[in-house]
C-alpha atoms as a PDB file:
ATOM      1  CA  MET A   1       0.000   0.000   0.000  1.00  0.00           C
ATOM      2  CA  SER A   2       3.014   2.329  -0.084  1.00  0.00           C
ATOM      3  CA  ASN A   3       2.032   3.225  -3.663  1.00  0.00           C
ATOM      4  CA  LEU A   4      -1.348   4.576  -2.544  1.00  0.00           C
ATOM      5  CA  LYS A   5      -2.342   7.770  -0.752  1.00  0.00           C
ATOM      6  CA  PHE A   6      -5.933   8.106   0.404  1.00  0.00           C
ATOM      7  CA  ASP A   7      -7.388  11.540   1.070  1.00  0.00           C
ATOM      8  CA  ASN A   8     -10.673  12.541   2.737  1.00  0.00           C
ATOM      9  CA  GLU A   9     -11.152  15.839   0.926  1.00  0.00           C
ATOM     10  CA  PRO A  10     -12.927  16.594  -1.250  1.00  0.00           C
ATOM     11  CA  LEU A  11     -15.788  14.157  -0.705  1.00  0.00           C
ATOM     12  CA  ILE A  12     -18.172  14.082  -3.666  1.00  0.00           C
ATOM     13  CA  HIS A  13     -21.432  12.224  -4.256  1.00  0.00           C
ATOM     14  CA  THR A  14     -22.610  10.469  -7.385  1.00  0.00           C
ATOM     15  CA  THR A  15     -25.855   8.563  -7.765  1.00  0.00           C
ATOM     16  CA  GLY A  16     -25.598   5.806  -5.172  1.00  0.00           C
ATOM     17  CA  ALA A  17     -22.090   6.418  -3.847  1.00  0.00           C
ATOM     18  CA  PHE A  18     -19.671   8.786  -2.140  1.00  0.00           C
ATOM     19  CA  LEU A  19     -16.267   9.223  -3.779  1.00  0.00           C
ATOM     20  CA  LYS A  20     -12.908  10.268  -2.334  1.00  0.00           C
ATOM     21  CA  PRO A  21      -9.596  11.013  -4.051  1.00  0.00           C
ATOM     22  CA  MET A  22      -6.714   8.534  -4.031  1.00  0.00           C
ATOM     23  CA  LYS A  23      -3.195   8.937  -5.400  1.00  0.00           C
ATOM     24  CA  VAL A  24      -1.577   5.887  -6.991  1.00  0.00           C
ATOM     25  CA  VAL A  25       2.006   5.392  -8.118  1.00  0.00           C
ATOM     26  CA  ASP A  26       2.537   2.997 -11.000  1.00  0.00           C
ATOM     27  CA  SER A  27       5.527   0.681 -11.506  1.00  0.00           C
ATOM     28  CA  GLU A  28       7.376   3.476 -13.362  1.00  0.00           C
ATOM     29  CA  GLY A  29       6.922   5.929 -10.485  1.00  0.00           C
ATOM     30  CA  LYS A  30       4.282   8.039 -12.243  1.00  0.00           C
ATOM     31  CA  GLU A  31       1.738   9.556  -9.835  1.00  0.00           C
ATOM     32  CA  GLN A  32      -1.931   9.892 -10.741  1.00  0.00           C
ATOM     33  CA  TRP A  33      -5.043  10.800  -8.789  1.00  0.00           C
ATOM     34  CA  LEU A  34      -8.320   8.925  -9.192  1.00  0.00           C
ATOM     35  CA  TRP A  35     -11.697   8.671  -7.465  1.00  0.00           C
ATOM     36  CA  PHE A  36     -12.578   5.628  -5.374  1.00  0.00           C
ATOM     37  CA  VAL A  37     -15.935   4.686  -3.898  1.00  0.00           C
ATOM     38  CA  SER A  38     -15.819   5.148  -0.133  1.00  0.00           C
ATOM     39  CA  GLU A  39     -19.482   4.423   0.649  1.00  0.00           C
ATOM     40  CA  PHE A  40     -22.517   3.049  -1.191  1.00  0.00           C
ATOM     41  CA  THR A  41     -25.835   4.855  -0.602  1.00  0.00           C
ATOM     42  CA  ASP A  42     -28.235   3.270  -3.077  1.00  0.00           C
ATOM     43  CA  ASP A  43     -29.078  -0.060  -4.680  1.00  0.00           C
ATOM     44  CA  THR A  44     -26.123  -1.959  -6.119  1.00  0.00           C
ATOM     45  CA  PHE A  45     -26.302  -4.978  -8.390  1.00  0.00           C
ATOM     46  CA  PHE A  46     -24.001  -7.964  -8.955  1.00  0.00           C
ATOM     47  CA  GLU A  47     -24.750 -10.512 -11.653  1.00  0.00           C
ATOM     48  CA  GLY A  48     -28.200  -8.948 -12.116  1.00  0.00           C
ATOM     49  CA  LYS A  49     -29.274  -9.285  -8.455  1.00  0.00           C
ATOM     50  CA  ASN A  50     -29.576  -6.675  -5.726  1.00  0.00           C
ATOM     51  CA  TYR A  51     -26.341  -6.766  -3.730  1.00  0.00           C
ATOM     52  CA  ASN A  52     -25.028  -5.070  -0.581  1.00  0.00           C
ATOM     53  CA  PRO A  53     -21.303  -4.642  -1.300  1.00  0.00           C
ATOM     54  CA  LYS A  54     -18.564  -4.504   1.295  1.00  0.00           C
ATOM     55  CA  GLU A  55     -16.559  -1.281   1.202  1.00  0.00           C
ATOM     56  CA  PHE A  56     -13.360  -3.037   2.393  1.00  0.00           C
ATOM     57  CA  ALA A  57     -12.010  -6.600   2.435  1.00  0.00           C
ATOM     58  CA  ASN A  58      -8.711  -8.429   2.806  1.00  0.00           C
ATOM     59  CA  SER A  59      -8.957  -9.930  -0.690  1.00  0.00           C
ATOM     60  CA  LYS A  60     -10.789  -9.394  -3.963  1.00  0.00           C
ATOM     61  CA  GLU A  61     -12.653 -12.661  -3.369  1.00  0.00           C
ATOM     62  CA  GLU A  62     -13.952 -11.420   0.005  1.00  0.00           C
ATOM     63  CA  LEU A  63     -14.858  -8.074  -1.536  1.00  0.00           C
ATOM     64  CA  VAL A  64     -17.390  -9.661  -3.892  1.00  0.00           C
ATOM     65  CA  LEU A  65     -18.422 -12.535  -1.604  1.00  0.00           C
ATOM     66  CA  VAL A  66     -22.150 -13.177  -1.971  1.00  0.00           C
ATOM     67  CA  GLN A  67     -23.732 -14.354   1.277  1.00  0.00           C
ATOM     68  CA  GLU A  68     -26.691 -16.679   0.948  1.00  0.00           C
ATOM     69  CA  GLU A  69     -29.905 -15.458   2.572  1.00  0.00           C
ATOM     70  CA  ALA A  70     -31.076 -17.496   5.579  1.00  0.00           C
END
């Protein structure tokens, strides 16, 4: 994570999500800023079904883990 810098300002909103800026450094040392989703506020879909995504996880697999309803 040393190639990433998260920032809390500015916080912007798009339909269904809040976005924050993040700086990334690529393998050649070039810095770029991009927006990342920090919070979901509306319906989200995965494989055509309503889905409540995790904002953070320890792996990509956990990030998109679909829990079966009881």
